[in-house]
N, C-alpha and C. Protein backbone atom coordinates (compact mmCIF):
# COMPACT_ATOMS: atom_id res chain seq x y z
N UNK A 1 -11.38 -33.08 4.84
CA UNK A 1 -10.23 -33.31 3.99
C UNK A 1 -9.01 -32.71 4.67
N UNK A 2 -7.94 -33.45 4.69
CA UNK A 2 -6.73 -32.95 5.34
C UNK A 2 -6.08 -31.85 4.51
N UNK A 3 -5.33 -31.02 5.18
CA UNK A 3 -4.67 -29.89 4.52
C UNK A 3 -3.65 -30.34 3.49
N UNK A 4 -3.00 -31.44 3.75
CA UNK A 4 -2.06 -32.02 2.78
C UNK A 4 -2.39 -33.50 2.64
N UNK A 5 -1.94 -34.13 1.58
CA UNK A 5 -2.24 -35.55 1.41
C UNK A 5 -1.73 -36.37 2.58
N UNK A 6 -2.46 -37.40 2.94
CA UNK A 6 -2.00 -38.24 4.05
C UNK A 6 -0.70 -38.94 3.70
N UNK A 7 0.12 -39.15 4.69
CA UNK A 7 1.39 -39.86 4.49
C UNK A 7 1.12 -41.35 4.64
N UNK A 8 0.53 -41.93 3.62
CA UNK A 8 0.23 -43.35 3.67
C UNK A 8 1.17 -44.10 2.76
N UNK A 9 1.47 -45.30 3.15
CA UNK A 9 2.36 -46.12 2.35
C UNK A 9 1.65 -46.53 1.06
N UNK A 10 2.42 -46.63 0.01
CA UNK A 10 1.89 -47.10 -1.26
C UNK A 10 1.82 -48.63 -1.18
N UNK A 11 0.67 -49.21 -1.51
CA UNK A 11 0.56 -50.68 -1.43
C UNK A 11 1.65 -51.37 -2.24
N UNK A 12 2.22 -52.41 -1.65
CA UNK A 12 3.30 -53.14 -2.32
C UNK A 12 2.87 -53.76 -3.63
N UNK A 13 1.62 -54.20 -3.72
CA UNK A 13 1.15 -54.87 -4.93
C UNK A 13 0.61 -53.89 -5.97
N UNK A 14 0.78 -52.60 -5.75
CA UNK A 14 0.28 -51.60 -6.68
C UNK A 14 1.13 -51.59 -7.95
N UNK A 15 0.47 -51.73 -9.08
CA UNK A 15 1.16 -51.65 -10.36
C UNK A 15 0.42 -50.63 -11.21
N UNK A 16 1.12 -49.57 -11.58
CA UNK A 16 0.52 -48.54 -12.41
C UNK A 16 0.91 -48.76 -13.87
N UNK A 17 -0.06 -48.52 -14.73
CA UNK A 17 0.20 -48.61 -16.17
C UNK A 17 0.95 -47.36 -16.63
N UNK A 18 1.65 -47.46 -17.76
CA UNK A 18 2.27 -46.25 -18.30
C UNK A 18 1.20 -45.18 -18.53
N UNK A 19 1.52 -43.93 -18.28
CA UNK A 19 0.52 -42.86 -18.48
C UNK A 19 0.00 -42.82 -19.92
N UNK A 20 -1.30 -42.61 -20.04
CA UNK A 20 -1.91 -42.42 -21.36
C UNK A 20 -2.03 -40.92 -21.62
N UNK A 21 -2.14 -40.58 -22.88
CA UNK A 21 -2.25 -39.18 -23.25
C UNK A 21 -3.55 -38.92 -24.02
N UNK A 22 -4.58 -39.72 -23.74
CA UNK A 22 -5.88 -39.51 -24.38
C UNK A 22 -6.41 -38.14 -23.97
N UNK A 23 -7.16 -37.52 -24.86
CA UNK A 23 -7.71 -36.21 -24.55
C UNK A 23 -9.20 -36.30 -24.26
N UNK A 24 -9.63 -35.50 -23.32
CA UNK A 24 -11.03 -35.43 -22.91
C UNK A 24 -11.43 -33.97 -22.84
N UNK A 25 -12.61 -33.67 -23.34
CA UNK A 25 -13.16 -32.34 -23.10
C UNK A 25 -13.73 -32.34 -21.68
N UNK A 26 -14.05 -31.17 -21.18
CA UNK A 26 -14.67 -31.07 -19.86
C UNK A 26 -15.99 -31.86 -19.85
N UNK A 27 -16.73 -31.78 -20.95
CA UNK A 27 -18.00 -32.50 -21.05
C UNK A 27 -17.78 -34.01 -21.02
N UNK A 28 -16.77 -34.49 -21.74
CA UNK A 28 -16.48 -35.92 -21.73
C UNK A 28 -16.04 -36.38 -20.34
N UNK A 29 -15.20 -35.60 -19.69
CA UNK A 29 -14.74 -35.94 -18.35
C UNK A 29 -15.92 -36.06 -17.39
N UNK A 30 -16.91 -35.21 -17.53
CA UNK A 30 -18.06 -35.22 -16.62
C UNK A 30 -18.84 -36.53 -16.67
N UNK A 31 -18.69 -37.29 -17.73
CA UNK A 31 -19.37 -38.58 -17.85
C UNK A 31 -18.75 -39.65 -16.94
N UNK A 32 -17.58 -39.39 -16.42
CA UNK A 32 -16.86 -40.35 -15.56
C UNK A 32 -16.96 -39.95 -14.09
N UNK A 33 -18.19 -39.65 -13.68
CA UNK A 33 -18.43 -39.15 -12.32
C UNK A 33 -18.87 -40.24 -11.34
N UNK A 34 -18.86 -41.48 -11.78
CA UNK A 34 -19.24 -42.57 -10.90
C UNK A 34 -20.72 -42.88 -10.86
N UNK A 35 -21.50 -42.11 -11.58
CA UNK A 35 -22.95 -42.32 -11.58
C UNK A 35 -23.36 -43.55 -12.39
N UNK A 36 -22.53 -43.94 -13.37
CA UNK A 36 -22.82 -45.11 -14.19
C UNK A 36 -21.93 -46.26 -13.72
N UNK A 37 -22.55 -47.34 -13.29
CA UNK A 37 -21.83 -48.45 -12.66
C UNK A 37 -20.73 -49.05 -13.53
N UNK A 38 -20.93 -49.14 -14.82
CA UNK A 38 -19.94 -49.80 -15.69
C UNK A 38 -18.89 -48.85 -16.26
N UNK A 39 -18.89 -47.60 -15.82
CA UNK A 39 -17.89 -46.63 -16.27
C UNK A 39 -16.90 -46.36 -15.15
N UNK A 40 -15.63 -46.15 -15.51
CA UNK A 40 -14.66 -45.79 -14.48
C UNK A 40 -14.96 -44.41 -13.88
N UNK A 41 -14.30 -44.13 -12.77
CA UNK A 41 -14.43 -42.83 -12.10
C UNK A 41 -13.11 -42.09 -12.30
N UNK A 42 -13.18 -40.87 -12.83
CA UNK A 42 -11.99 -40.08 -13.10
C UNK A 42 -12.01 -38.79 -12.31
N UNK A 43 -10.83 -38.36 -11.90
CA UNK A 43 -10.62 -37.05 -11.27
C UNK A 43 -9.42 -36.43 -11.98
N UNK A 44 -9.55 -35.17 -12.35
CA UNK A 44 -8.43 -34.46 -12.98
C UNK A 44 -7.83 -33.47 -11.99
N UNK A 45 -6.50 -33.35 -12.09
CA UNK A 45 -5.76 -32.38 -11.30
C UNK A 45 -4.78 -31.70 -12.25
N UNK A 46 -4.86 -30.39 -12.31
CA UNK A 46 -3.99 -29.61 -13.21
C UNK A 46 -4.05 -30.17 -14.63
N UNK A 47 -5.24 -30.59 -15.05
CA UNK A 47 -5.44 -31.06 -16.42
C UNK A 47 -5.10 -32.52 -16.65
N UNK A 48 -4.47 -33.17 -15.70
CA UNK A 48 -4.13 -34.59 -15.82
C UNK A 48 -5.26 -35.41 -15.20
N UNK A 49 -5.71 -36.44 -15.94
CA UNK A 49 -6.86 -37.23 -15.50
C UNK A 49 -6.38 -38.55 -14.89
N UNK A 50 -6.87 -38.82 -13.68
CA UNK A 50 -6.53 -40.03 -12.95
C UNK A 50 -7.75 -40.94 -12.86
N UNK A 51 -7.53 -42.23 -13.00
CA UNK A 51 -8.59 -43.22 -12.83
C UNK A 51 -8.62 -43.61 -11.35
N UNK A 52 -9.64 -43.14 -10.64
CA UNK A 52 -9.75 -43.41 -9.20
C UNK A 52 -10.81 -44.48 -8.92
N UNK A 53 -11.11 -45.29 -9.93
CA UNK A 53 -12.14 -46.32 -9.79
C UNK A 53 -11.86 -47.29 -8.65
N UNK A 54 -10.61 -47.51 -8.34
CA UNK A 54 -10.26 -48.43 -7.24
C UNK A 54 -10.75 -47.90 -5.90
N UNK A 55 -11.09 -46.63 -5.84
CA UNK A 55 -11.61 -46.01 -4.62
C UNK A 55 -13.03 -45.47 -4.87
N UNK A 56 -13.82 -46.26 -5.62
CA UNK A 56 -15.19 -45.85 -5.94
C UNK A 56 -15.99 -45.54 -4.67
N UNK A 57 -15.67 -46.22 -3.57
CA UNK A 57 -16.38 -45.95 -2.32
C UNK A 57 -16.16 -44.51 -1.84
N UNK A 58 -15.02 -43.92 -2.19
CA UNK A 58 -14.73 -42.54 -1.80
C UNK A 58 -15.14 -41.53 -2.87
N UNK A 59 -14.96 -41.89 -4.14
CA UNK A 59 -15.21 -40.94 -5.23
C UNK A 59 -16.54 -41.14 -5.94
N UNK A 60 -17.18 -42.27 -5.70
CA UNK A 60 -18.47 -42.53 -6.31
C UNK A 60 -19.60 -41.86 -5.55
N UNK A 61 -20.83 -42.03 -6.03
CA UNK A 61 -21.99 -41.43 -5.36
C UNK A 61 -22.04 -41.80 -3.88
N UNK A 62 -22.25 -40.80 -3.04
CA UNK A 62 -22.31 -41.01 -1.61
C UNK A 62 -20.94 -41.00 -0.93
N UNK A 63 -19.88 -41.01 -1.73
CA UNK A 63 -18.53 -40.99 -1.18
C UNK A 63 -18.14 -39.59 -0.73
N UNK A 64 -17.22 -39.53 0.21
CA UNK A 64 -16.83 -38.24 0.78
C UNK A 64 -16.13 -37.32 -0.23
N UNK A 65 -15.58 -37.89 -1.31
CA UNK A 65 -14.90 -37.07 -2.32
C UNK A 65 -15.61 -37.08 -3.66
N UNK A 66 -16.90 -37.42 -3.65
CA UNK A 66 -17.66 -37.50 -4.90
C UNK A 66 -17.69 -36.17 -5.64
N UNK A 67 -17.58 -35.06 -4.94
CA UNK A 67 -17.64 -33.75 -5.62
C UNK A 67 -16.49 -33.57 -6.60
N UNK A 68 -15.42 -34.36 -6.47
CA UNK A 68 -14.28 -34.27 -7.38
C UNK A 68 -14.49 -35.11 -8.64
N UNK A 69 -15.35 -36.10 -8.57
CA UNK A 69 -15.51 -37.08 -9.65
C UNK A 69 -16.04 -36.44 -10.93
N UNK A 70 -15.38 -36.76 -12.03
CA UNK A 70 -15.79 -36.24 -13.33
C UNK A 70 -15.42 -34.78 -13.55
N UNK A 71 -14.51 -34.26 -12.74
CA UNK A 71 -14.13 -32.85 -12.83
C UNK A 71 -12.63 -32.69 -12.68
N UNK A 72 -12.15 -31.52 -13.07
CA UNK A 72 -10.81 -31.10 -12.69
C UNK A 72 -11.00 -30.36 -11.38
N UNK A 73 -10.58 -30.96 -10.30
CA UNK A 73 -10.84 -30.45 -8.95
C UNK A 73 -9.64 -29.69 -8.38
N UNK A 74 -8.83 -29.12 -9.23
CA UNK A 74 -7.59 -28.49 -8.80
C UNK A 74 -7.78 -27.44 -7.71
N UNK A 75 -8.69 -26.52 -7.91
CA UNK A 75 -8.87 -25.44 -6.92
C UNK A 75 -9.28 -26.02 -5.57
N UNK A 76 -10.22 -26.96 -5.56
CA UNK A 76 -10.68 -27.56 -4.31
C UNK A 76 -9.54 -28.27 -3.58
N UNK A 77 -8.71 -28.98 -4.32
CA UNK A 77 -7.59 -29.68 -3.69
C UNK A 77 -6.57 -28.68 -3.15
N UNK A 78 -6.28 -27.64 -3.89
CA UNK A 78 -5.32 -26.64 -3.44
C UNK A 78 -5.78 -25.89 -2.21
N UNK A 79 -7.09 -25.69 -2.11
CA UNK A 79 -7.64 -24.95 -0.97
C UNK A 79 -8.19 -25.88 0.11
N UNK A 80 -8.05 -27.18 -0.10
CA UNK A 80 -8.58 -28.21 0.80
C UNK A 80 -10.06 -27.97 1.09
N UNK A 81 -10.80 -27.73 0.03
CA UNK A 81 -12.22 -27.45 0.14
C UNK A 81 -13.04 -28.63 -0.38
N UNK A 82 -14.14 -28.89 0.29
CA UNK A 82 -15.09 -29.89 -0.19
C UNK A 82 -16.37 -29.22 -0.70
N UNK A 83 -16.28 -27.94 -1.01
CA UNK A 83 -17.44 -27.22 -1.54
C UNK A 83 -17.53 -27.49 -3.05
N UNK A 84 -18.70 -27.88 -3.53
CA UNK A 84 -18.84 -28.16 -4.96
C UNK A 84 -18.41 -27.01 -5.86
N UNK A 85 -18.64 -25.79 -5.43
CA UNK A 85 -18.28 -24.64 -6.26
C UNK A 85 -16.76 -24.47 -6.40
N UNK A 86 -16.00 -25.12 -5.53
CA UNK A 86 -14.53 -25.04 -5.62
C UNK A 86 -13.92 -26.16 -6.46
N UNK A 87 -14.72 -27.13 -6.85
CA UNK A 87 -14.21 -28.26 -7.65
C UNK A 87 -14.14 -27.84 -9.12
N UNK A 88 -13.18 -26.94 -9.39
CA UNK A 88 -12.98 -26.39 -10.73
C UNK A 88 -11.49 -26.38 -11.06
N UNK A 89 -11.19 -26.22 -12.33
CA UNK A 89 -9.81 -26.24 -12.81
C UNK A 89 -9.07 -24.93 -12.56
N UNK A 90 -9.80 -23.83 -12.47
CA UNK A 90 -9.17 -22.50 -12.37
C UNK A 90 -8.43 -22.34 -11.05
N UNK A 91 -7.12 -22.24 -11.14
CA UNK A 91 -6.29 -22.07 -9.95
C UNK A 91 -5.65 -20.68 -9.88
N UNK A 92 -6.16 -19.77 -10.68
CA UNK A 92 -5.56 -18.43 -10.78
C UNK A 92 -5.62 -17.65 -9.47
N UNK A 93 -6.52 -18.01 -8.56
CA UNK A 93 -6.63 -17.28 -7.30
C UNK A 93 -5.86 -17.94 -6.15
N UNK A 94 -5.20 -19.06 -6.42
CA UNK A 94 -4.47 -19.74 -5.36
C UNK A 94 -3.17 -19.02 -5.03
N UNK A 95 -2.85 -18.96 -3.74
CA UNK A 95 -1.59 -18.36 -3.32
C UNK A 95 -0.48 -19.42 -3.38
N UNK A 96 0.73 -19.03 -3.06
CA UNK A 96 1.88 -19.95 -3.16
C UNK A 96 1.71 -21.18 -2.28
N UNK A 97 1.21 -21.00 -1.08
CA UNK A 97 1.01 -22.14 -0.17
C UNK A 97 -0.04 -23.10 -0.73
N UNK A 98 -1.11 -22.56 -1.27
CA UNK A 98 -2.16 -23.41 -1.85
C UNK A 98 -1.66 -24.13 -3.09
N UNK A 99 -0.82 -23.47 -3.88
CA UNK A 99 -0.23 -24.14 -5.05
C UNK A 99 0.68 -25.28 -4.63
N UNK A 100 1.37 -25.09 -3.52
CA UNK A 100 2.23 -26.15 -2.98
C UNK A 100 1.38 -27.35 -2.53
N UNK A 101 0.28 -27.07 -1.85
CA UNK A 101 -0.64 -28.13 -1.42
C UNK A 101 -1.18 -28.87 -2.64
N UNK A 102 -1.56 -28.12 -3.67
CA UNK A 102 -2.06 -28.73 -4.91
C UNK A 102 -1.00 -29.66 -5.51
N UNK A 103 0.24 -29.21 -5.54
CA UNK A 103 1.32 -30.07 -6.06
C UNK A 103 1.48 -31.33 -5.23
N UNK A 104 1.31 -31.21 -3.92
CA UNK A 104 1.40 -32.40 -3.06
C UNK A 104 0.27 -33.38 -3.36
N UNK A 105 -0.93 -32.86 -3.59
CA UNK A 105 -2.04 -33.74 -3.96
C UNK A 105 -1.77 -34.40 -5.31
N UNK A 106 -1.22 -33.66 -6.25
CA UNK A 106 -0.90 -34.23 -7.56
C UNK A 106 0.08 -35.40 -7.39
N UNK A 107 1.12 -35.18 -6.61
CA UNK A 107 2.11 -36.24 -6.36
C UNK A 107 1.46 -37.45 -5.70
N UNK A 108 0.56 -37.22 -4.76
CA UNK A 108 -0.16 -38.29 -4.08
C UNK A 108 -0.94 -39.13 -5.10
N UNK A 109 -1.70 -38.47 -5.96
CA UNK A 109 -2.50 -39.18 -6.97
C UNK A 109 -1.60 -39.90 -7.96
N UNK A 110 -0.54 -39.25 -8.38
CA UNK A 110 0.37 -39.81 -9.39
C UNK A 110 0.99 -41.13 -8.92
N UNK A 111 1.19 -41.27 -7.62
CA UNK A 111 1.80 -42.49 -7.07
C UNK A 111 0.79 -43.61 -6.84
N UNK A 112 -0.51 -43.30 -6.94
CA UNK A 112 -1.53 -44.28 -6.57
C UNK A 112 -2.54 -44.62 -7.66
N UNK A 113 -2.68 -43.76 -8.66
CA UNK A 113 -3.71 -43.96 -9.67
C UNK A 113 -3.14 -43.85 -11.08
N UNK A 114 -3.72 -44.63 -11.98
CA UNK A 114 -3.29 -44.57 -13.38
C UNK A 114 -3.70 -43.25 -14.01
N UNK A 115 -2.80 -42.70 -14.80
CA UNK A 115 -3.10 -41.51 -15.59
C UNK A 115 -3.71 -41.98 -16.90
N UNK A 116 -4.92 -41.50 -17.18
CA UNK A 116 -5.64 -41.97 -18.37
C UNK A 116 -5.75 -40.91 -19.46
N UNK A 117 -5.29 -39.71 -19.18
CA UNK A 117 -5.38 -38.67 -20.21
C UNK A 117 -5.22 -37.29 -19.64
N UNK A 118 -5.69 -36.36 -20.45
CA UNK A 118 -5.61 -34.95 -20.05
C UNK A 118 -6.83 -34.20 -20.56
N UNK A 119 -7.16 -33.13 -19.89
CA UNK A 119 -8.30 -32.30 -20.27
C UNK A 119 -7.84 -31.29 -21.31
N UNK A 120 -8.63 -31.14 -22.37
CA UNK A 120 -8.29 -30.17 -23.41
C UNK A 120 -9.36 -29.10 -23.49
């Protein structure tokens, strides 16, 4: 995983829906981990849930970022870690540079994936 989000162009045909404000518990979010074929794949960052189903090959089972699926992966994104134990919401131990990286990942996701809710 790169230290900061890749500088890739946003597809011209990308159309994002208005953000939703549906609420999900941590347990409900875990059901959207890509393990069930007919369910979307969600990743949360700083409590905001993104639908990453369009990249199921990356976030679904066997994908390089599957450890983020169905979780708030804020700490892992801020620390650029692919360790399962880091795919948690708690960012209290992140330093200023890591918080900046986390914000960059949030911006990256916000420009590419629909926001479907928030973790409560």
